[in-house]
C-alpha atoms as a PDB file:
ATOM      1  CA  MET A   1      11.211  13.079  22.953  1.00  0.00           C
ATOM      2  CA  ASN A   2      13.235  10.197  24.837  1.00  0.00           C
ATOM      3  CA  ILE A   3      14.585   7.626  21.589  1.00  0.00           C
ATOM      4  CA  PHE A   4      13.211   4.590  23.914  1.00  0.00           C
ATOM      5  CA  LEU A   5       9.359   6.381  24.053  1.00  0.00           C
ATOM      6  CA  ALA A   6       9.790   7.468  20.034  1.00  0.00           C
ATOM      7  CA  ILE A   7      10.632   3.516  19.344  1.00  0.00           C
ATOM      8  CA  LEU A   8       7.796   2.435  21.744  1.00  0.00           C
ATOM      9  CA  ALA A   9       5.364   5.134  19.698  1.00  0.00           C
ATOM     10  CA  LEU A  10       6.238   3.375  16.421  1.00  0.00           C
ATOM     11  CA  VAL A  11       5.644  -0.229  17.551  1.00  0.00           C
ATOM     12  CA  GLY A  12       2.675   0.623  19.538  1.00  0.00           C
ATOM     13  CA  GLY A  13       1.377   2.383  16.369  1.00  0.00           C
ATOM     14  CA  PHE A  14       2.189  -0.749  14.624  1.00  0.00           C
ATOM     15  CA  VAL A  15       0.510  -3.043  16.515  1.00  0.00           C
ATOM     16  CA  ALA A  16      -2.516  -0.510  16.908  1.00  0.00           C
ATOM     17  CA  LEU A  17      -2.815  -0.425  12.990  1.00  0.00           C
ATOM     18  CA  ILE A  18      -2.529  -3.871  12.490  1.00  0.00           C
ATOM     19  CA  LYS A  19      -5.280  -4.724  15.145  1.00  0.00           C
ATOM     20  CA  GLY A  20      -7.589  -2.117  14.343  1.00  0.00           C
ATOM     21  CA  ALA A  21      -7.718  -2.877  10.659  1.00  0.00           C
ATOM     22  CA  ASP A  22      -8.474  -6.562  11.716  1.00  0.00           C
ATOM     23  CA  TRP A  23     -11.347  -5.440  13.806  1.00  0.00           C
ATOM     24  CA  PHE A  24     -12.624  -2.817  11.036  1.00  0.00           C
ATOM     25  CA  VAL A  25     -12.470  -5.879   8.419  1.00  0.00           C
ATOM     26  CA  GLU A  26     -14.401  -8.279  10.627  1.00  0.00           C
ATOM     27  CA  GLY A  27     -17.020  -5.674  11.675  1.00  0.00           C
ATOM     28  CA  SER A  28     -17.435  -4.128   8.027  1.00  0.00           C
ATOM     29  CA  SER A  29     -17.446  -7.893   6.835  1.00  0.00           C
ATOM     30  CA  SER A  30     -19.885  -9.096   9.165  1.00  0.00           C
ATOM     31  CA  VAL A  31     -22.276  -6.106   8.359  1.00  0.00           C
ATOM     32  CA  ALA A  32     -22.103  -6.490   4.685  1.00  0.00           C
ATOM     33  CA  LYS A  33     -23.010 -10.243   5.019  1.00  0.00           C
ATOM     34  CA  LEU A  34     -25.994  -9.090   7.277  1.00  0.00           C
ATOM     35  CA  LEU A  35     -27.191  -6.999   4.081  1.00  0.00           C
ATOM     36  CA  LYS A  36     -26.564 -10.094   2.149  1.00  0.00           C
ATOM     37  CA  VAL A  37     -23.654  -8.790   0.197  1.00  0.00           C
ATOM     38  CA  PRO A  38     -21.976 -11.762  -1.827  1.00  0.00           C
ATOM     39  CA  THR A  39     -18.816 -12.826  -0.195  1.00  0.00           C
ATOM     40  CA  ILE A  40     -16.397 -12.042  -3.252  1.00  0.00           C
ATOM     41  CA  VAL A  41     -17.762  -8.572  -3.093  1.00  0.00           C
ATOM     42  CA  ILE A  42     -16.803  -8.277   0.600  1.00  0.00           C
ATOM     43  CA  GLY A  43     -13.364  -9.853  -0.249  1.00  0.00           C
ATOM     44  CA  LEU A  44     -12.875  -7.417  -3.107  1.00  0.00           C
ATOM     45  CA  THR A  45     -13.567  -4.306  -1.048  1.00  0.00           C
ATOM     46  CA  VAL A  46     -13.928  -4.314   2.603  1.00  0.00           C
ATOM     47  CA  VAL A  47     -10.923  -7.043   2.988  1.00  0.00           C
ATOM     48  CA  ALA A  48      -8.821  -5.638   0.406  1.00  0.00           C
ATOM     49  CA  LEU A  49      -9.208  -1.898   1.589  1.00  0.00           C
ATOM     50  CA  GLY A  50      -8.645  -3.256   5.335  1.00  0.00           C
ATOM     51  CA  THR A  51      -4.926  -4.574   4.230  1.00  0.00           C
ATOM     52  CA  SER A  52      -4.330  -0.964   2.937  1.00  0.00           C
ATOM     53  CA  LEU A  53      -5.646   0.774   5.775  1.00  0.00           C
ATOM     54  CA  PRO A  54      -2.198   0.936   7.758  1.00  0.00           C
ATOM     55  CA  GLU A  55      -0.710   2.983   4.772  1.00  0.00           C
ATOM     56  CA  ALA A  56      -3.918   5.205   4.422  1.00  0.00           C
ATOM     57  CA  SER A  57      -3.610   6.174   8.054  1.00  0.00           C
ATOM     58  CA  VAL A  58      -0.068   7.086   8.539  1.00  0.00           C
ATOM     59  CA  SER A  59       0.177   8.854   4.825  1.00  0.00           C
ATOM     60  CA  ILE A  60      -3.211  10.662   5.603  1.00  0.00           C
ATOM     61  CA  SER A  61      -1.878  11.634   9.040  1.00  0.00           C
ATOM     62  CA  ALA A  62       1.582  12.592   7.368  1.00  0.00           C
ATOM     63  CA  ALA A  63      -0.269  14.886   4.881  1.00  0.00           C
ATOM     64  CA  ILE A  64      -2.008  16.464   7.649  1.00  0.00           C
ATOM     65  CA  ALA A  65       0.977  16.991   9.265  1.00  0.00           C
ATOM     66  CA  GLY A  66       3.127  18.185   6.666  1.00  0.00           C
ATOM     67  CA  LYS A  67       5.356  15.594   6.739  1.00  0.00           C
ATOM     68  CA  ASN A  68       4.885  15.138   2.949  1.00  0.00           C
ATOM     69  CA  ALA A  69       8.074  12.943   2.654  1.00  0.00           C
ATOM     70  CA  LEU A  70       6.685  10.269   5.031  1.00  0.00           C
ATOM     71  CA  ALA A  71       3.348  10.473   3.111  1.00  0.00           C
ATOM     72  CA  VAL A  72       4.767   9.479  -0.081  1.00  0.00           C
ATOM     73  CA  SER A  73       7.774   7.300   0.611  1.00  0.00           C
ATOM     74  CA  ASN A  74       5.348   5.169   3.230  1.00  0.00           C
ATOM     75  CA  VAL A  75       3.327   4.177  -0.104  1.00  0.00           C
ATOM     76  CA  VAL A  76       5.780   3.747  -2.465  1.00  0.00           C
ATOM     77  CA  GLY A  77       8.087   1.895  -0.242  1.00  0.00           C
ATOM     78  CA  SER A  78       5.170  -0.410   0.819  1.00  0.00           C
ATOM     79  CA  ASN A  79       4.989  -1.077  -2.862  1.00  0.00           C
ATOM     80  CA  ILE A  80       8.493  -2.048  -3.536  1.00  0.00           C
ATOM     81  CA  PHE A  81       8.232  -3.971  -0.431  1.00  0.00           C
ATOM     82  CA  ASN A  82       4.730  -6.077  -1.444  1.00  0.00           C
ATOM     83  CA  THR A  83       6.324  -6.592  -4.795  1.00  0.00           C
ATOM     84  CA  LEU A  84       9.718  -7.500  -4.216  1.00  0.00           C
ATOM     85  CA  VAL A  85       9.561  -9.176  -0.892  1.00  0.00           C
ATOM     86  CA  VAL A  86       6.044 -10.305   0.091  1.00  0.00           C
ATOM     87  CA  LEU A  87       5.592 -11.754  -3.599  1.00  0.00           C
ATOM     88  CA  GLY A  88       8.730 -12.987  -3.698  1.00  0.00           C
ATOM     89  CA  ALA A  89       9.164 -14.884  -0.204  1.00  0.00           C
ATOM     90  CA  SER A  90       5.903 -16.354  -0.991  1.00  0.00           C
ATOM     91  CA  ALA A  91       7.188 -17.729  -4.349  1.00  0.00           C
ATOM     92  CA  ILE A  92       9.963 -19.013  -2.470  1.00  0.00           C
ATOM     93  CA  VAL A  93       7.614 -20.985   0.090  1.00  0.00           C
ATOM     94  CA  VAL A  94       5.532 -21.905  -3.032  1.00  0.00           C
ATOM     95  CA  PRO A  95       5.924 -21.165  -6.661  1.00  0.00           C
ATOM     96  CA  VAL A  96       3.004 -18.559  -7.163  1.00  0.00           C
ATOM     97  CA  CYS A  97       0.659 -19.828  -9.864  1.00  0.00           C
ATOM     98  CA  VAL A  98      -0.535 -16.797 -12.328  1.00  0.00           C
ATOM     99  CA  GLN A  99      -3.636 -16.531 -14.137  1.00  0.00           C
ATOM    100  CA  ALA A 100      -3.833 -15.298 -17.488  1.00  0.00           C
ATOM    101  CA  ASN A 101      -6.012 -12.194 -15.836  1.00  0.00           C
ATOM    102  CA  SER A 102      -3.500 -11.284 -13.820  1.00  0.00           C
ATOM    103  CA  ILE A 103      -1.076 -10.847 -16.600  1.00  0.00           C
ATOM    104  CA  LYS A 104      -3.423  -9.224 -18.993  1.00  0.00           C
ATOM    105  CA  LYS A 105      -5.333  -6.887 -16.559  1.00  0.00           C
ATOM    106  CA  GLU A 106      -4.261  -6.496 -12.749  1.00  0.00           C
ATOM    107  CA  ILE A 107      -0.300  -6.110 -12.961  1.00  0.00           C
ATOM    108  CA  PRO A 108      -0.580  -3.801 -16.124  1.00  0.00           C
ATOM    109  CA  PHE A 109      -3.216  -1.842 -14.504  1.00  0.00           C
ATOM    110  CA  SER A 110      -0.929  -1.640 -11.391  1.00  0.00           C
ATOM    111  CA  ILE A 111       1.972  -0.239 -13.398  1.00  0.00           C
ATOM    112  CA  LEU A 112      -0.690   2.067 -15.083  1.00  0.00           C
ATOM    113  CA  CYS A 113      -1.309   3.579 -11.659  1.00  0.00           C
ATOM    114  CA  THR A 114       2.022   4.356 -10.856  1.00  0.00           C
ATOM    115  CA  PHE A 115       2.531   6.045 -14.090  1.00  0.00           C
ATOM    116  CA  ALA A 116      -0.447   7.661 -13.235  1.00  0.00           C
ATOM    117  CA  LEU A 117       1.247   8.961  -9.815  1.00  0.00           C
ATOM    118  CA  LEU A 118       4.154   9.781 -11.560  1.00  0.00           C
ATOM    119  CA  GLY A 119       2.250  12.187 -14.003  1.00  0.00           C
ATOM    120  CA  ALA A 120       0.680  13.845 -11.332  1.00  0.00           C
ATOM    121  CA  LEU A 121       3.847  14.607  -9.661  1.00  0.00           C
ATOM    122  CA  PHE A 122       5.528  15.759 -12.995  1.00  0.00           C
ATOM    123  CA  LEU A 123       2.462  17.977 -13.358  1.00  0.00           C
ATOM    124  CA  GLY A 124       3.003  19.478 -10.152  1.00  0.00           C
ATOM    125  CA  LYS A 125       6.527  20.119 -10.654  1.00  0.00           C
ATOM    126  CA  ASN A 126       7.583  23.668  -9.570  1.00  0.00           C
ATOM    127  CA  VAL A 127      11.214  25.300  -8.852  1.00  0.00           C
ATOM    128  CA  ALA A 128      11.615  26.882  -5.505  1.00  0.00           C
ATOM    129  CA  VAL A 129      12.378  30.725  -5.178  1.00  0.00           C
ATOM    130  CA  PRO A 130      15.562  31.458  -3.019  1.00  0.00           C
ATOM    131  CA  ALA A 131      14.464  33.223   0.254  1.00  0.00           C
ATOM    132  CA  ASP A 132      17.164  35.787  -0.596  1.00  0.00           C
ATOM    133  CA  GLU A 133      18.017  36.613  -3.909  1.00  0.00           C
ATOM    134  CA  ALA A 134      20.962  38.691  -3.374  1.00  0.00           C
ATOM    135  CA  THR A 135      22.693  35.127  -2.194  1.00  0.00           C
ATOM    136  CA  ALA A 136      23.607  32.262  -4.395  1.00  0.00           C
ATOM    137  CA  ALA A 137      21.157  30.084  -3.124  1.00  0.00           C
ATOM    138  CA  VAL A 138      20.657  26.429  -4.406  1.00  0.00           C
ATOM    139  CA  VAL A 139      17.456  26.365  -6.447  1.00  0.00           C
ATOM    140  CA  THR A 140      15.669  22.893  -5.905  1.00  0.00           C
ATOM    141  CA  ASN A 141      13.222  21.233  -8.007  1.00  0.00           C
ATOM    142  CA  THR A 142       9.970  19.844  -5.928  1.00  0.00           C
ATOM    143  CA  TYR A 143       6.848  17.931  -6.729  1.00  0.00           C
ATOM    144  CA  THR A 144       3.484  18.190  -5.800  1.00  0.00           C
ATOM    145  CA  ILE A 145       0.325  15.943  -5.919  1.00  0.00           C
ATOM    146  CA  GLY A 146      -2.381  18.314  -5.770  1.00  0.00           C
ATOM    147  CA  ILE A 147      -6.134  18.148  -5.465  1.00  0.00           C
ATOM    148  CA  VAL A 148      -6.897  17.685  -9.147  1.00  0.00           C
ATOM    149  CA  GLY A 149      -4.206  14.976  -8.960  1.00  0.00           C
ATOM    150  CA  GLY A 150      -5.527  13.319  -6.027  1.00  0.00           C
ATOM    151  CA  ILE A 151      -9.329  13.302  -7.643  1.00  0.00           C
ATOM    152  CA  VAL A 152      -7.721  11.675 -10.799  1.00  0.00           C
ATOM    153  CA  LEU A 153      -6.246   9.088  -8.558  1.00  0.00           C
ATOM    154  CA  LEU A 154      -9.477   8.614  -6.856  1.00  0.00           C
ATOM    155  CA  ALA A 155     -11.340   8.324 -10.163  1.00  0.00           C
ATOM    156  CA  LEU A 156      -8.853   5.189 -11.064  1.00  0.00           C
ATOM    157  CA  PHE A 157      -9.568   3.907  -7.651  1.00  0.00           C
ATOM    158  CA  ALA A 158     -13.553   3.977  -8.528  1.00  0.00           C
ATOM    159  CA  PHE A 159     -12.778   2.108 -11.771  1.00  0.00           C
ATOM    160  CA  TYR A 160     -10.968  -0.541  -9.862  1.00  0.00           C
ATOM    161  CA  MET A 161     -13.611  -1.042  -7.697  1.00  0.00           C
ATOM    162  CA  TYR A 162     -16.014  -1.177 -10.146  1.00  0.00           C
ATOM    163  CA  TRP A 163     -14.376  -3.355 -12.631  1.00  0.00           C
ATOM    164  CA  GLN A 164     -13.434  -5.756  -9.995  1.00  0.00           C
ATOM    165  CA  VAL A 165     -16.613  -6.279  -8.432  1.00  0.00           C
ATOM    166  CA  THR A 166     -18.828  -6.421 -11.822  1.00  0.00           C
ATOM    167  CA  ALA A 167     -16.216  -8.927 -12.922  1.00  0.00           C
ATOM    168  CA  ALA A 168     -16.663 -11.304  -9.901  1.00  0.00           C
ATOM    169  CA  LEU A 169     -20.270 -10.689  -9.866  1.00  0.00           C
ATOM    170  CA  LYS A 170     -20.659 -11.695 -13.807  1.00  0.00           C
ATOM    171  CA  ALA A 171     -18.229 -14.806 -12.946  1.00  0.00           C
ATOM    172  CA  ARG A 172     -20.129 -16.189 -10.016  1.00  0.00           C
ATOM    173  CA  LYS A 173     -22.983 -15.790 -11.858  1.00  0.00           C
ATOM    174  CA  SER A 174     -21.792 -17.965 -15.182  1.00  0.00           C
ATOM    175  CA  GLY A 175     -20.882 -20.400 -12.301  1.00  0.00           C
ATOM    176  CA  GLU A 176     -17.093 -19.948 -12.922  1.00  0.00           C
ATOM    177  CA  LEU A 177     -16.845 -18.677  -9.274  1.00  0.00           C
ATOM    178  CA  GLU A 178     -18.187 -20.447  -6.115  1.00  0.00           C
ATOM    179  CA  GLU A 179     -19.666 -18.445  -3.144  1.00  0.00           C
ATOM    180  CA  GLU A 180     -17.660 -19.137   0.091  1.00  0.00           C
ATOM    181  CA  ASP A 181     -19.979 -18.488   2.976  1.00  0.00           C
ATOM    182  CA  ASP A 182     -17.757 -19.744   5.725  1.00  0.00           C
ATOM    183  CA  ASP A 183     -15.128 -17.062   5.051  1.00  0.00           C
ATOM    184  CA  VAL A 184     -16.840 -14.364   6.791  1.00  0.00           C
ATOM    185  CA  LYS A 185     -17.886 -14.745  10.750  1.00  0.00           C
ATOM    186  CA  ILE A 186     -20.921 -13.057  11.058  1.00  0.00           C
ATOM    187  CA  LEU A 187     -21.535 -11.138  14.546  1.00  0.00           C
ATOM    188  CA  SER A 188     -24.743  -9.469  15.861  1.00  0.00           C
ATOM    189  CA  PRO A 189     -25.416  -6.103  14.515  1.00  0.00           C
ATOM    190  CA  SER A 190     -23.974  -4.418  17.817  1.00  0.00           C
ATOM    191  CA  LYS A 191     -20.940  -6.287  18.252  1.00  0.00           C
ATOM    192  CA  SER A 192     -20.032  -5.409  14.317  1.00  0.00           C
ATOM    193  CA  THR A 193     -20.622  -1.708  15.234  1.00  0.00           C
ATOM    194  CA  ILE A 194     -18.079  -1.983  18.036  1.00  0.00           C
ATOM    195  CA  ALA A 195     -15.869  -3.580  15.772  1.00  0.00           C
ATOM    196  CA  ILE A 196     -16.065  -0.920  13.096  1.00  0.00           C
ATOM    197  CA  VAL A 197     -15.703   2.130  15.652  1.00  0.00           C
ATOM    198  CA  VAL A 198     -12.849   0.594  17.742  1.00  0.00           C
ATOM    199  CA  GLY A 199     -10.973  -0.377  14.432  1.00  0.00           C
ATOM    200  CA  VAL A 200     -11.352   3.259  12.961  1.00  0.00           C
ATOM    201  CA  ALA A 201     -10.473   4.385  16.482  1.00  0.00           C
ATOM    202  CA  LEU A 202      -7.261   2.088  16.547  1.00  0.00           C
ATOM    203  CA  ILE A 203      -6.335   3.071  12.817  1.00  0.00           C
ATOM    204  CA  ILE A 204      -6.355   6.335  13.348  1.00  0.00           C
ATOM    205  CA  PHE A 205      -4.762   6.566  16.599  1.00  0.00           C
ATOM    206  CA  GLY A 206      -1.904   4.033  15.248  1.00  0.00           C
ATOM    207  CA  GLY A 207      -0.999   6.257  12.429  1.00  0.00           C
ATOM    208  CA  LYS A 208      -0.594   9.093  14.549  1.00  0.00           C
ATOM    209  CA  LEU A 209       1.519   7.104  16.510  1.00  0.00           C
ATOM    210  CA  VAL A 210       3.557   5.625  13.891  1.00  0.00           C
ATOM    211  CA  VAL A 211       4.046   9.463  12.265  1.00  0.00           C
ATOM    212  CA  TYR A 212       5.052  10.796  15.421  1.00  0.00           C
ATOM    213  CA  GLY A 213       7.351   7.807  16.206  1.00  0.00           C
ATOM    214  CA  ALA A 214       8.875   7.941  13.003  1.00  0.00           C
ATOM    215  CA  SER A 215       9.579  11.542  12.921  1.00  0.00           C
ATOM    216  CA  GLU A 216      11.204  11.466  16.093  1.00  0.00           C
ATOM    217  CA  ILE A 217      13.542   8.891  15.212  1.00  0.00           C
ATOM    218  CA  ALA A 218      14.489  10.315  11.955  1.00  0.00           C
ATOM    219  CA  SER A 219      15.453  13.612  13.971  1.00  0.00           C
ATOM    220  CA  LYS A 220      17.049  12.098  16.194  1.00  0.00           C
ATOM    221  CA  PHE A 221      19.896   9.843  13.996  1.00  0.00           C
ATOM    222  CA  GLY A 222      19.656  12.784  11.240  1.00  0.00           C
ATOM    223  CA  MET A 223      17.820  10.234   8.909  1.00  0.00           C
ATOM    224  CA  SER A 224      15.357  11.727   6.433  1.00  0.00           C
ATOM    225  CA  GLU A 225      11.694  11.018   6.587  1.00  0.00           C
ATOM    226  CA  THR A 226      12.150   9.535   3.039  1.00  0.00           C
ATOM    227  CA  LEU A 227      14.309   6.804   4.398  1.00  0.00           C
ATOM    228  CA  ILE A 228      12.414   6.248   7.231  1.00  0.00           C
ATOM    229  CA  GLY A 229       9.285   6.151   5.218  1.00  0.00           C
ATOM    230  CA  MET A 230      10.879   3.736   2.734  1.00  0.00           C
ATOM    231  CA  THR A 231      12.282   1.351   5.202  1.00  0.00           C
ATOM    232  CA  ILE A 232      11.020   0.934   8.693  1.00  0.00           C
ATOM    233  CA  VAL A 233       7.442   2.373   8.347  1.00  0.00           C
ATOM    234  CA  ALA A 234       6.752   0.619   5.010  1.00  0.00           C
ATOM    235  CA  LEU A 235       8.010  -2.889   6.378  1.00  0.00           C
ATOM    236  CA  GLY A 236       5.572  -1.995   9.474  1.00  0.00           C
ATOM    237  CA  THR A 237       2.513  -1.008   7.335  1.00  0.00           C
ATOM    238  CA  SER A 238       3.171  -3.720   4.896  1.00  0.00           C
ATOM    239  CA  LEU A 239       2.865  -6.679   7.797  1.00  0.00           C
ATOM    240  CA  PRO A 240      -0.649  -7.372   6.881  1.00  0.00           C
ATOM    241  CA  GLU A 241       0.020  -8.012   3.263  1.00  0.00           C
ATOM    242  CA  LEU A 242       3.002 -10.297   4.311  1.00  0.00           C
ATOM    243  CA  VAL A 243       1.338 -12.443   6.856  1.00  0.00           C
ATOM    244  CA  THR A 244      -2.027 -13.043   4.476  1.00  0.00           C
ATOM    245  CA  SER A 245       0.270 -13.787   1.728  1.00  0.00           C
ATOM    246  CA  MET A 246       2.606 -15.870   3.276  1.00  0.00           C
ATOM    247  CA  VAL A 247      -0.004 -17.959   4.777  1.00  0.00           C
ATOM    248  CA  ALA A 248      -2.078 -18.348   1.546  1.00  0.00           C
ATOM    249  CA  ALA A 249       1.471 -19.343   0.134  1.00  0.00           C
ATOM    250  CA  LYS A 250       1.330 -22.226   2.590  1.00  0.00           C
ATOM    251  CA  LYS A 251      -2.113 -23.199   2.157  1.00  0.00           C
ATOM    252  CA  GLY A 252      -1.204 -23.783  -1.340  1.00  0.00           C
ATOM    253  CA  GLU A 253      -3.112 -20.784  -2.722  1.00  0.00           C
ATOM    254  CA  SER A 254      -0.579 -19.112  -4.480  1.00  0.00           C
ATOM    255  CA  ASP A 255      -2.616 -17.137  -6.642  1.00  0.00           C
ATOM    256  CA  LEU A 256      -4.145 -15.328  -3.585  1.00  0.00           C
ATOM    257  CA  ALA A 257      -0.527 -14.281  -2.234  1.00  0.00           C
ATOM    258  CA  LEU A 258      -0.163 -12.424  -5.940  1.00  0.00           C
ATOM    259  CA  GLY A 259      -3.656 -10.985  -5.905  1.00  0.00           C
ATOM    260  CA  ASN A 260      -3.183  -9.553  -2.496  1.00  0.00           C
ATOM    261  CA  ALA A 261       0.200  -8.219  -3.184  1.00  0.00           C
ATOM    262  CA  ILE A 262      -0.744  -6.525  -6.593  1.00  0.00           C
ATOM    263  CA  GLY A 263      -4.342  -5.437  -5.374  1.00  0.00           C
ATOM    264  CA  SER A 264      -2.607  -3.531  -2.277  1.00  0.00           C
ATOM    265  CA  ASN A 265      -0.433  -2.061  -4.596  1.00  0.00           C
ATOM    266  CA  ILE A 266      -3.149  -0.554  -6.559  1.00  0.00           C
ATOM    267  CA  PHE A 267      -5.088   0.306  -3.252  1.00  0.00           C
ATOM    268  CA  ASN A 268      -1.977   2.197  -2.002  1.00  0.00           C
ATOM    269  CA  ILE A 269      -1.583   4.696  -4.889  1.00  0.00           C
ATOM    270  CA  VAL A 270      -4.945   5.405  -6.135  1.00  0.00           C
ATOM    271  CA  PHE A 271      -6.855   5.215  -2.885  1.00  0.00           C
ATOM    272  CA  VAL A 272      -4.132   6.412  -0.029  1.00  0.00           C
ATOM    273  CA  LEU A 273      -2.469   8.947  -1.894  1.00  0.00           C
ATOM    274  CA  GLY A 274      -5.524  10.087  -3.854  1.00  0.00           C
ATOM    275  CA  PHE A 275      -7.252  10.608  -0.651  1.00  0.00           C
ATOM    276  CA  SER A 276      -4.343  11.952   0.807  1.00  0.00           C
ATOM    277  CA  ALA A 277      -3.594  14.612  -1.857  1.00  0.00           C
ATOM    278  CA  VAL A 278      -7.334  15.528  -1.962  1.00  0.00           C
ATOM    279  CA  ILE A 279      -6.905  16.123   1.958  1.00  0.00           C
ATOM    280  CA  SER A 280      -3.576  18.329   1.899  1.00  0.00           C
ATOM    281  CA  PRO A 281      -1.618  18.454  -1.176  1.00  0.00           C
ATOM    282  CA  ILE A 282       1.714  16.732  -1.119  1.00  0.00           C
ATOM    283  CA  THR A 283       5.149  18.150  -1.967  1.00  0.00           C
ATOM    284  CA  VAL A 284       8.154  15.793  -2.583  1.00  0.00           C
ATOM    285  CA  ASP A 285      11.596  16.426  -3.849  1.00  0.00           C
ATOM    286  CA  ILE A 286      13.398  13.993  -6.608  1.00  0.00           C
ATOM    287  CA  LEU A 287      13.835  10.978  -4.491  1.00  0.00           C
ATOM    288  CA  ALA A 288      10.301  10.605  -4.428  1.00  0.00           C
ATOM    289  CA  ILE A 289      10.553  10.374  -8.545  1.00  0.00           C
ATOM    290  CA  ILE A 290      13.595   7.991  -8.455  1.00  0.00           C
ATOM    291  CA  ASP A 291      11.664   5.652  -5.887  1.00  0.00           C
ATOM    292  CA  THR A 292       8.203   6.096  -7.967  1.00  0.00           C
ATOM    293  CA  ILE A 293       9.890   4.753 -11.311  1.00  0.00           C
ATOM    294  CA  ALA A 294      11.615   1.809  -9.059  1.00  0.00           C
ATOM    295  CA  VAL A 295       7.962   0.613  -8.575  1.00  0.00           C
ATOM    296  CA  ILE A 296       7.346   0.683 -12.334  1.00  0.00           C
ATOM    297  CA  GLY A 297      10.464  -1.016 -12.971  1.00  0.00           C
ATOM    298  CA  VAL A 298       9.906  -3.672  -9.956  1.00  0.00           C
ATOM    299  CA  SER A 299       6.191  -3.998 -11.264  1.00  0.00           C
ATOM    300  CA  ALA A 300       7.464  -4.634 -15.243  1.00  0.00           C
ATOM    301  CA  LEU A 301      10.014  -7.376 -13.433  1.00  0.00           C
ATOM    302  CA  THR A 302       7.087  -9.442 -11.707  1.00  0.00           C
ATOM    303  CA  LEU A 303       4.919  -9.018 -15.158  1.00  0.00           C
ATOM    304  CA  VAL A 304       8.153 -10.472 -17.025  1.00  0.00           C
ATOM    305  CA  PHE A 305       8.616 -13.327 -14.643  1.00  0.00           C
ATOM    306  CA  ALA A 306       4.260 -14.102 -14.423  1.00  0.00           C
ATOM    307  CA  ALA A 307       4.076 -14.075 -18.020  1.00  0.00           C
ATOM    308  CA  THR A 308       7.022 -16.975 -18.547  1.00  0.00           C
ATOM    309  CA  GLY A 309       5.530 -20.064 -18.018  1.00  0.00           C
ATOM    310  CA  LYS A 310       2.160 -18.569 -15.950  1.00  0.00           C
ATOM    311  CA  LYS A 311       4.116 -18.644 -12.654  1.00  0.00           C
ATOM    312  CA  ILE A 312       6.827 -17.004 -10.308  1.00  0.00           C
ATOM    313  CA  ASN A 313       9.247 -19.906  -9.248  1.00  0.00           C
ATOM    314  CA  ARG A 314      11.344 -20.213  -6.381  1.00  0.00           C
ATOM    315  CA  ALA A 315      14.827 -18.828  -7.934  1.00  0.00           C
ATOM    316  CA  GLU A 316      12.734 -15.850  -9.580  1.00  0.00           C
ATOM    317  CA  GLY A 317      11.131 -15.149  -6.105  1.00  0.00           C
ATOM    318  CA  ALA A 318      14.807 -15.233  -4.540  1.00  0.00           C
ATOM    319  CA  ILE A 319      15.896 -12.835  -7.470  1.00  0.00           C
ATOM    320  CA  MET A 320      13.104 -10.500  -6.450  1.00  0.00           C
ATOM    321  CA  VAL A 321      14.263 -10.712  -2.544  1.00  0.00           C
ATOM    322  CA  LEU A 322      17.869 -10.087  -3.317  1.00  0.00           C
ATOM    323  CA  ALA A 323      16.569  -6.868  -5.529  1.00  0.00           C
ATOM    324  CA  TYR A 324      14.960  -5.553  -2.525  1.00  0.00           C
ATOM    325  CA  ALA A 325      17.914  -5.936  -0.318  1.00  0.00           C
ATOM    326  CA  ALA A 326      20.059  -4.156  -3.173  1.00  0.00           C
ATOM    327  CA  TYR A 327      17.742  -1.326  -3.360  1.00  0.00           C
ATOM    328  CA  PHE A 328      17.523  -1.468   0.616  1.00  0.00           C
ATOM    329  CA  ALA A 329      21.115  -0.721   0.597  1.00  0.00           C
ATOM    330  CA  TYR A 330      20.984   1.770  -1.955  1.00  0.00           C
ATOM    331  CA  MET A 331      18.463   3.709  -0.025  1.00  0.00           C
ATOM    332  CA  PHE A 332      20.892   4.152   3.000  1.00  0.00           C
ATOM    333  CA  VAL A 333      23.833   5.225   0.618  1.00  0.00           C
ATOM    334  CA  ARG A 334      22.258   7.543  -1.640  1.00  0.00           C
END
């Protein structure tokens, strides 16, 4: 495949993913509103899921195609990017205020989910047997997230959704949370259906384009699927989170920027990888373990910054962005 066409497929796939996610969220939110679902519940479910649909499409498509390294590196790379760049850049624009719940619950839960992913990988550890016992072939360790691991991650996803929705409804009932009806654009039932169908179609098509384009580029330049997934693909699929958080920061809604980044990280691990593993077991090498541990590290760093003064200031945001630049360089030289 011509390299120009591969790049075109990658860029076209990103555009299709982002536009498809927008239409899916718009159509689904409209249907939910027509069914009298509270706005806060729509935000915590449909909208939160929508920003993770690009990662979901790419990882599921990669898993089905047997591109296991790309399936995992896309999610892990997106989480590192979300934490260090999306959140760090937002803090540089406007210091990110952190609510007590985020320090006590959301950020620790995101770390717990990453540990669950790490545990699922270690439980699926296996040693490859050399094809020819007579040769001195190098034995390599691989790690597999199987159906059981996928179900565990999906169970965490179900718990997270229940926890968030019930907490939001309880807060709204007690008067701690105001309902904002203007946040959701209501379409006619037919237009809502069309938006959902076209959105899903674009997401599926975009995911396949990204996987195909990324694989071709990796092959053409001798780059690993893990490197492509951790860099180009992770950045492209994280664009919705970056745009949402930067806009929220500029509007002074810095807590929304934090919630968007952390919530997306949780969705990426427990929903995207959980669903991908249930569809097709995902086998990766030691690099996935290193990158998963890196996610835990950057999440812990975020928790420390958030706990000091209940905000992430500009200096801390700059440190986070620089940390990503350093890790980005490490990924190319390792």
